[in-house]
């Protein structure tokens, strides 16, 4: 606390109140909220803003930014839970014994990643997700459960909200976009959580009730959703073919041939950098778009290792079309997904086996 200096006004000497240094990062004076409140014309927006702040006076740390953000505090994953959920047991599944003691009373939200990502593990099926949610809710009934549903949509007959998930999220340039959605993502689940996600994306009281949505984009999204089950079926058949062919040639695959499928990703362990790059180059050459482009491995934001991508797709970044990628680190696994018809992968595999037979340390 330090006093302001004295100053004269109208011949009188005034001592102003000491100016207090506000504690915490990005602390805003309460008058900011009062001013904004009078400026807002929408009673609905004011009510939503106040509810989002828990009825307290506002500060920027409550409105967004920093580790004290209200949404982050309500949906924070403790370090202990984060250490357990991604870990797998010897058979590639979840460590159920560890998970049974992982959730704390203060844990606000648990995030389940359905697909394997770049880990050499089984993707989680609906039965695994149901069991995981049951274990979490037994330890803390108030803990919200969110599922990253990418690559898993339409593969099984049930989706995570049907087995207890509070919220799911995914991408429209993956399974639910049916290979034609140009962009976008989705959240689904309990009404209040979907509304909270929409408010966090834009602003409290606004949600998804504003912004530009051109008609042709919405048409592509709805048509893609209509086509999605068929496209996912073709991707699953392509994954089964990859697993069958590559395992017959001596490569480790995940999931195993003819094993139940929980997403559209098929991983193949290639063993060295040269074979991984060669595999991706062949996939790119076989793609309908950009077949003349040579994939180059490099550092990509968000990835710990160099990554190489092959995605000659009509929609940029679409992994529901023919694509593969992988990190250039041991065990040098390539992760294949997509394909508008399973015969695309039949053509790719023929060229891949020719290329790998000439690559260093090949299985022959």
Protein backbone atom coordinates (compact mmCIF):
# COMPACT_ATOMS: atom_id res chain seq x y z
CA UNK A 1 0.00 0.00 0.00
CA UNK A 2 1.39 3.38 -0.94
CA UNK A 3 -0.40 6.74 -0.52
CA UNK A 4 -1.02 9.00 -3.45
CA UNK A 5 0.71 12.33 -3.30
CA UNK A 6 -1.20 15.34 -2.08
CA UNK A 7 -2.52 17.81 -4.58
CA UNK A 8 -4.39 21.11 -4.48
CA UNK A 9 -7.87 21.60 -5.91
CA UNK A 10 -9.66 24.93 -5.69
CA UNK A 11 -7.17 26.24 -3.16
CA UNK A 12 -7.76 23.37 -0.73
CA UNK A 13 -5.28 20.66 0.08
CA UNK A 14 -6.80 17.21 -0.29
CA UNK A 15 -5.50 13.89 0.97
CA UNK A 16 -6.75 11.16 -1.30
CA UNK A 17 -7.33 7.63 -0.07
CA UNK A 18 -4.38 5.30 -0.30
CA UNK A 19 -4.29 3.31 -3.53
CA UNK A 20 -4.29 -0.37 -2.67
CA UNK A 21 -2.35 -2.75 -4.83
CA UNK A 22 -4.73 -5.47 -5.90
CA UNK A 23 -3.60 -9.02 -5.38
CA UNK A 24 -3.50 -11.71 -8.03
CA UNK A 25 -2.82 -11.68 -11.73
CA UNK A 26 -5.11 -9.69 -14.02
CA UNK A 27 -7.16 -8.36 -11.09
CA UNK A 28 -9.79 -5.90 -12.32
CA UNK A 29 -11.66 -3.42 -10.10
CA UNK A 30 -15.28 -4.27 -9.27
CA UNK A 31 -16.38 -1.06 -10.98
CA UNK A 32 -15.46 -2.72 -14.29
CA UNK A 33 -18.17 -5.31 -13.79
CA UNK A 34 -20.70 -2.68 -12.66
CA UNK A 35 -19.96 -0.57 -15.72
CA UNK A 36 -20.21 -3.54 -18.07
CA UNK A 37 -23.41 -4.68 -16.40
CA UNK A 38 -25.11 -1.37 -17.05
CA UNK A 39 -23.88 -1.41 -20.62
CA UNK A 40 -25.25 -4.87 -21.38
CA UNK A 41 -28.78 -4.66 -22.75
CA UNK A 42 -29.56 -8.34 -22.54
CA UNK A 43 -30.91 -9.50 -19.19
CA UNK A 44 -30.17 -13.04 -20.33
CA UNK A 45 -26.52 -12.21 -20.91
CA UNK A 46 -26.21 -10.54 -17.50
CA UNK A 47 -27.79 -13.52 -15.77
CA UNK A 48 -25.57 -15.98 -17.60
CA UNK A 49 -22.48 -13.92 -16.84
CA UNK A 50 -23.38 -13.71 -13.17
CA UNK A 51 -24.07 -17.45 -12.98
CA UNK A 52 -20.77 -18.19 -14.68
CA UNK A 53 -19.03 -16.16 -12.00
CA UNK A 54 -20.89 -17.90 -9.19
CA UNK A 55 -22.60 -14.65 -8.17
CA UNK A 56 -19.30 -13.00 -7.29
CA UNK A 57 -17.96 -9.68 -8.46
CA UNK A 58 -16.00 -10.07 -11.64
CA UNK A 59 -12.32 -10.00 -12.26
CA UNK A 60 -10.45 -10.96 -15.38
CA UNK A 61 -9.22 -14.11 -13.70
CA UNK A 62 -12.87 -15.21 -13.53
CA UNK A 63 -13.64 -14.27 -17.12
CA UNK A 64 -10.76 -16.14 -18.75
CA UNK A 65 -7.00 -16.44 -18.85
CA UNK A 66 -4.66 -17.77 -16.21
CA UNK A 67 -4.90 -20.86 -14.06
CA UNK A 68 -7.73 -19.44 -11.97
CA UNK A 69 -10.19 -19.34 -14.81
CA UNK A 70 -13.59 -20.41 -13.53
CA UNK A 71 -14.03 -23.07 -16.19
CA UNK A 72 -10.59 -24.49 -15.57
CA UNK A 73 -11.16 -24.61 -11.82
CA UNK A 74 -14.45 -26.44 -12.29
CA UNK A 75 -13.09 -28.89 -14.89
CA UNK A 76 -9.56 -29.36 -13.62
CA UNK A 77 -7.93 -32.78 -13.84
CA UNK A 78 -5.68 -33.47 -10.89
CA UNK A 79 -2.13 -34.58 -11.56
CA UNK A 80 -2.82 -37.87 -9.85
CA UNK A 81 -5.75 -38.74 -12.12
CA UNK A 82 -3.90 -37.59 -15.19
CA UNK A 83 -1.08 -39.95 -14.31
CA UNK A 84 -3.36 -42.97 -14.20
CA UNK A 85 -5.90 -42.69 -17.00
CA UNK A 86 -3.46 -42.80 -19.94
CA UNK A 87 -1.35 -45.54 -18.38
CA UNK A 88 -1.97 -49.06 -19.67
CA UNK A 89 -1.44 -52.49 -18.19
CA UNK A 90 0.67 -55.27 -19.67
CA UNK A 91 -2.09 -56.35 -22.06
CA UNK A 92 -2.48 -52.83 -23.45
CA UNK A 93 -5.67 -52.01 -21.55
CA UNK A 94 -6.35 -49.68 -18.66
CA UNK A 95 -4.78 -50.29 -15.26
CA UNK A 96 -8.04 -50.91 -13.42
CA UNK A 97 -6.45 -51.40 -10.00
CA UNK A 98 -4.74 -48.02 -10.21
CA UNK A 99 -7.84 -46.33 -11.57
CA UNK A 100 -9.94 -47.63 -8.67
CA UNK A 101 -7.95 -45.36 -6.30
CA UNK A 102 -7.10 -42.46 -8.61
CA UNK A 103 -10.00 -40.03 -8.18
CA UNK A 104 -9.84 -37.48 -5.36
CA UNK A 105 -12.75 -35.67 -3.69
CA UNK A 106 -11.63 -32.40 -5.29
CA UNK A 107 -11.37 -33.86 -8.81
CA UNK A 108 -13.79 -31.87 -10.95
CA UNK A 109 -13.50 -33.62 -14.29
CA UNK A 110 -11.91 -36.74 -15.76
CA UNK A 111 -10.92 -36.81 -19.43
CA UNK A 112 -10.96 -40.14 -21.27
CA UNK A 113 -9.20 -40.38 -24.61
CA UNK A 114 -10.93 -43.11 -26.57
CA UNK A 115 -8.39 -43.52 -29.37
CA UNK A 116 -4.80 -44.65 -28.84
CA UNK A 117 -3.23 -41.44 -30.12
CA UNK A 118 0.47 -42.11 -30.72
CA UNK A 119 0.63 -44.68 -27.91
CA UNK A 120 1.05 -48.38 -28.61
CA UNK A 121 -2.09 -49.46 -26.80
CA UNK A 122 -5.59 -50.65 -27.46
CA UNK A 123 -8.20 -48.03 -28.14
CA UNK A 124 -10.99 -47.99 -25.59
CA UNK A 125 -14.26 -49.69 -26.43
CA UNK A 126 -17.66 -48.69 -25.14
CA UNK A 127 -17.51 -51.42 -22.49
CA UNK A 128 -14.14 -50.08 -21.28
CA UNK A 129 -15.54 -46.56 -21.14
CA UNK A 130 -18.60 -47.74 -19.20
CA UNK A 131 -16.41 -49.51 -16.65
CA UNK A 132 -14.12 -46.48 -16.36
CA UNK A 133 -17.03 -44.12 -15.76
CA UNK A 134 -18.51 -46.45 -13.15
CA UNK A 135 -15.20 -46.53 -11.27
CA UNK A 136 -14.87 -42.74 -11.39
CA UNK A 137 -18.44 -42.11 -10.23
CA UNK A 138 -18.08 -44.63 -7.39
CA UNK A 139 -15.16 -42.61 -6.01
CA UNK A 140 -16.65 -39.18 -6.67
CA UNK A 141 -20.26 -38.95 -7.93
CA UNK A 142 -19.82 -35.23 -8.61
CA UNK A 143 -16.85 -35.73 -10.92
CA UNK A 144 -17.76 -34.94 -14.52
CA UNK A 145 -16.51 -37.32 -17.21
CA UNK A 146 -15.60 -36.02 -20.66
CA UNK A 147 -14.65 -38.33 -23.53
CA UNK A 148 -12.43 -37.38 -26.45
CA UNK A 149 -14.41 -39.36 -29.02
CA UNK A 150 -12.19 -38.73 -32.06
CA UNK A 151 -11.90 -41.68 -34.47
CA UNK A 152 -14.48 -43.67 -32.50
CA UNK A 153 -17.80 -42.36 -33.78
CA UNK A 154 -20.10 -44.94 -35.43
CA UNK A 155 -17.63 -47.81 -34.99
CA UNK A 156 -19.78 -49.44 -32.30
CA UNK A 157 -23.52 -49.50 -31.76
CA UNK A 158 -23.36 -47.21 -28.69
CA UNK A 159 -21.68 -43.89 -27.97
CA UNK A 160 -20.14 -42.70 -24.65
CA UNK A 161 -23.14 -40.58 -23.46
CA UNK A 162 -25.23 -43.76 -23.59
CA UNK A 163 -22.98 -45.36 -20.95
CA UNK A 164 -22.68 -42.41 -18.57
CA UNK A 165 -20.33 -39.85 -20.12
CA UNK A 166 -21.32 -36.28 -19.26
CA UNK A 167 -19.78 -34.72 -22.36
CA UNK A 168 -18.10 -35.87 -25.57
CA UNK A 169 -16.19 -33.93 -28.19
CA UNK A 170 -14.84 -34.72 -31.61
CA UNK A 171 -13.91 -33.42 -35.05
CA UNK A 172 -16.05 -33.16 -38.17
CA UNK A 173 -13.07 -33.79 -40.45
CA UNK A 174 -12.87 -37.25 -38.90
CA UNK A 175 -15.61 -39.90 -38.64
CA UNK A 176 -18.81 -37.82 -38.30
CA UNK A 177 -17.93 -35.60 -41.27
CA UNK A 178 -18.34 -38.46 -43.73
CA UNK A 179 -15.26 -37.26 -45.73
CA UNK A 180 -17.08 -34.15 -47.01
CA UNK A 181 -17.46 -31.80 -44.02
CA UNK A 182 -14.96 -28.99 -44.69
CA UNK A 183 -14.27 -28.02 -41.09
CA UNK A 184 -15.66 -27.92 -37.59
CA UNK A 185 -16.07 -29.93 -34.45
CA UNK A 186 -18.84 -30.92 -32.08
CA UNK A 187 -19.69 -31.33 -28.42
CA UNK A 188 -22.62 -33.40 -27.17
CA UNK A 189 -23.93 -34.50 -23.81
CA UNK A 190 -25.72 -32.93 -20.89
CA UNK A 191 -27.45 -29.68 -21.72
CA UNK A 192 -25.77 -27.53 -19.07
CA UNK A 193 -22.28 -28.74 -20.02
CA UNK A 194 -22.86 -28.21 -23.73
CA UNK A 195 -24.05 -24.68 -22.91
CA UNK A 196 -20.96 -24.12 -20.76
CA UNK A 197 -18.71 -25.28 -23.60
CA UNK A 198 -20.47 -22.93 -26.00
CA UNK A 199 -20.11 -20.04 -23.55
CA UNK A 200 -16.42 -20.78 -23.12
CA UNK A 201 -15.98 -20.80 -26.90
CA UNK A 202 -17.61 -17.41 -27.38
CA UNK A 203 -18.96 -15.52 -24.37
CA UNK A 204 -21.49 -16.15 -21.58
CA UNK A 205 -24.99 -15.46 -22.81
CA UNK A 206 -23.99 -15.76 -26.46
CA UNK A 207 -23.00 -19.40 -26.86
CA UNK A 208 -23.64 -20.58 -30.41
CA UNK A 209 -26.40 -18.06 -31.09
CA UNK A 210 -24.18 -15.83 -33.20
CA UNK A 211 -21.57 -16.00 -35.92
CA UNK A 212 -21.47 -16.83 -39.59
CA UNK A 213 -22.58 -20.25 -40.84
CA UNK A 214 -22.85 -20.20 -44.65
CA UNK A 215 -25.56 -22.45 -46.02
CA UNK A 216 -23.24 -24.56 -48.17
CA UNK A 217 -21.09 -25.38 -45.12
CA UNK A 218 -24.10 -26.53 -43.12
CA UNK A 219 -25.29 -28.61 -46.07
CA UNK A 220 -21.92 -30.37 -46.28
CA UNK A 221 -21.91 -31.01 -42.53
CA UNK A 222 -25.39 -32.57 -42.53
CA UNK A 223 -24.71 -34.60 -45.66
CA UNK A 224 -21.41 -35.75 -44.17
CA UNK A 225 -23.19 -36.83 -41.00
CA UNK A 226 -25.63 -38.80 -43.16
CA UNK A 227 -22.78 -40.54 -45.01
CA UNK A 228 -20.61 -41.06 -41.92
CA UNK A 229 -21.67 -44.62 -40.97
CA UNK A 230 -20.92 -45.87 -44.49
CA UNK A 231 -17.53 -44.13 -44.62
CA UNK A 232 -16.61 -45.41 -41.16
CA UNK A 233 -17.50 -48.94 -42.27
CA UNK A 234 -15.11 -48.67 -45.21
CA UNK A 235 -12.35 -47.34 -42.96
CA UNK A 236 -12.83 -50.24 -40.54
CA UNK A 237 -12.61 -52.74 -43.40
CA UNK A 238 -9.44 -51.03 -44.62
CA UNK A 239 -7.93 -51.32 -41.13
CA UNK A 240 -8.74 -55.03 -41.01
CA UNK A 241 -6.98 -55.51 -44.34
CA UNK A 242 -3.89 -53.59 -43.19
CA UNK A 243 -3.66 -55.68 -40.03
CA UNK A 244 -4.05 -58.95 -41.92
CA UNK A 245 -1.47 -58.17 -44.61
CA UNK A 246 1.19 -56.50 -42.46
CA UNK A 247 1.03 -59.10 -39.68
CA UNK A 248 1.43 -61.84 -42.30
CA UNK A 249 4.65 -60.09 -43.37
CA UNK A 250 6.01 -60.17 -39.82
CA UNK A 251 5.15 -56.68 -38.58
CA UNK A 252 3.51 -56.02 -35.23
CA UNK A 253 0.06 -54.49 -35.56
CA UNK A 254 -2.41 -52.90 -33.15
CA UNK A 255 -5.22 -53.92 -33.04
CA UNK A 256 -4.59 -57.51 -34.05
CA UNK A 257 -6.14 -59.02 -37.18
CA UNK A 258 -9.84 -59.86 -36.76
CA UNK A 259 -9.89 -58.32 -33.28
CA UNK A 260 -12.91 -56.19 -32.33
CA UNK A 261 -12.58 -52.59 -33.51
CA UNK A 262 -13.21 -49.57 -31.31
CA UNK A 263 -11.98 -46.86 -33.68
CA UNK A 264 -10.75 -46.55 -37.26
CA UNK A 265 -7.02 -46.33 -36.44
CA UNK A 266 -4.72 -49.20 -37.42
CA UNK A 267 -1.14 -49.03 -36.14
CA UNK A 268 1.80 -50.89 -37.70
CA UNK A 269 5.21 -51.06 -36.03
CA UNK A 270 7.81 -50.60 -38.78
CA UNK A 271 10.94 -50.65 -36.66
CA UNK A 272 13.06 -47.88 -38.14
CA UNK A 273 12.94 -44.36 -39.54
CA UNK A 274 13.50 -45.34 -43.17
CA UNK A 275 10.57 -47.74 -43.34
CA UNK A 276 8.24 -45.25 -41.66
CA UNK A 277 9.14 -42.52 -44.15
CA UNK A 278 8.88 -44.96 -47.08
CA UNK A 279 5.41 -46.10 -45.95
CA UNK A 280 4.11 -42.53 -45.75
CA UNK A 281 5.62 -41.60 -49.11
CA UNK A 282 3.83 -44.50 -50.80
CA UNK A 283 0.50 -43.56 -49.20
CA UNK A 284 0.92 -39.97 -50.42
CA UNK A 285 1.74 -41.17 -53.94
CA UNK A 286 -1.45 -43.25 -53.96
CA UNK A 287 -3.72 -40.45 -52.72
CA UNK A 288 -6.11 -38.81 -55.20
CA UNK A 289 -4.88 -35.31 -54.31
CA UNK A 290 -1.28 -34.13 -54.15
CA UNK A 291 0.20 -37.44 -55.27
CA UNK A 292 3.27 -35.59 -56.56
CA UNK A 293 4.05 -34.19 -53.09
CA UNK A 294 6.79 -35.83 -51.04
CA UNK A 295 6.07 -35.87 -47.28
CA UNK A 296 8.89 -34.43 -45.21
CA UNK A 297 9.28 -35.22 -41.52
CA UNK A 298 9.60 -32.21 -39.28
CA UNK A 299 8.76 -30.58 -35.98
CA UNK A 300 5.08 -29.76 -35.57
CA UNK A 301 3.59 -27.64 -32.75
CA UNK A 302 1.92 -29.85 -30.18
CA UNK A 303 4.10 -32.89 -30.85
CA UNK A 304 7.12 -33.93 -28.80
CA UNK A 305 8.93 -35.62 -31.70
CA UNK A 306 9.33 -35.12 -35.41
CA UNK A 307 6.19 -36.24 -37.23
CA UNK A 308 5.52 -37.22 -40.82
CA UNK A 309 2.07 -36.99 -42.42
CA UNK A 310 0.61 -38.39 -45.63
CA UNK A 311 -2.80 -36.92 -46.37
CA UNK A 312 -3.56 -36.26 -50.01
CA UNK A 313 -7.16 -35.41 -49.20
CA UNK A 314 -9.85 -33.23 -50.75
CA UNK A 315 -10.51 -31.61 -47.36
CA UNK A 316 -7.39 -30.26 -45.67
CA UNK A 317 -6.53 -32.35 -42.64
CA UNK A 318 -9.31 -34.86 -43.22
CA UNK A 319 -8.32 -38.17 -41.68
CA UNK A 320 -11.56 -39.87 -42.72
CA UNK A 321 -10.08 -39.92 -46.20
CA UNK A 322 -6.99 -41.99 -46.99
CA UNK A 323 -4.21 -40.90 -44.62
CA UNK A 324 -1.45 -42.03 -42.30
CA UNK A 325 1.07 -40.43 -39.98
CA UNK A 326 3.51 -41.24 -37.22
CA UNK A 327 6.18 -39.84 -34.90
CA UNK A 328 9.80 -40.49 -35.79
CA UNK A 329 10.72 -42.21 -32.56
CA UNK A 330 10.98 -45.77 -31.35
CA UNK A 331 9.15 -48.07 -32.19
CA UNK A 332 8.58 -46.12 -35.44
CA UNK A 333 4.92 -46.98 -35.79
CA UNK A 334 2.67 -45.66 -38.53
CA UNK A 335 -0.97 -44.93 -37.74
CA UNK A 336 -3.33 -45.48 -40.67
CA UNK A 337 -6.93 -44.33 -40.88
CA UNK A 338 -9.70 -43.48 -43.27
CA UNK A 339 -10.39 -44.43 -46.84
CA UNK A 340 -13.59 -43.91 -48.79
CA UNK A 341 -13.44 -47.56 -49.91
CA UNK A 342 -11.45 -50.48 -48.52
CA UNK A 343 -9.95 -51.21 -51.95
CA UNK A 344 -7.92 -48.01 -51.63
CA UNK A 345 -5.87 -49.71 -48.94
CA UNK A 346 -5.53 -52.82 -51.12
CA UNK A 347 -3.85 -50.69 -53.78
CA UNK A 348 -1.70 -48.91 -51.20
CA UNK A 349 -0.51 -52.12 -49.55
CA UNK A 350 0.63 -53.58 -52.86
CA UNK A 351 2.89 -50.57 -53.41
CA UNK A 352 3.98 -50.45 -49.77
CA UNK A 353 5.22 -54.03 -49.80
CA UNK A 354 7.21 -53.38 -52.98
CA UNK A 355 8.83 -50.32 -51.41
CA UNK A 356 9.57 -51.96 -48.06
CA UNK A 357 11.24 -54.91 -49.77
CA UNK A 358 13.91 -52.44 -50.94
CA UNK A 359 14.14 -50.39 -47.76
CA UNK A 360 17.02 -50.96 -45.26
CA UNK A 361 16.59 -53.80 -42.75
CA UNK A 362 13.37 -54.94 -44.41
CA UNK A 363 11.72 -58.21 -43.59
CA UNK A 364 11.85 -59.14 -47.28
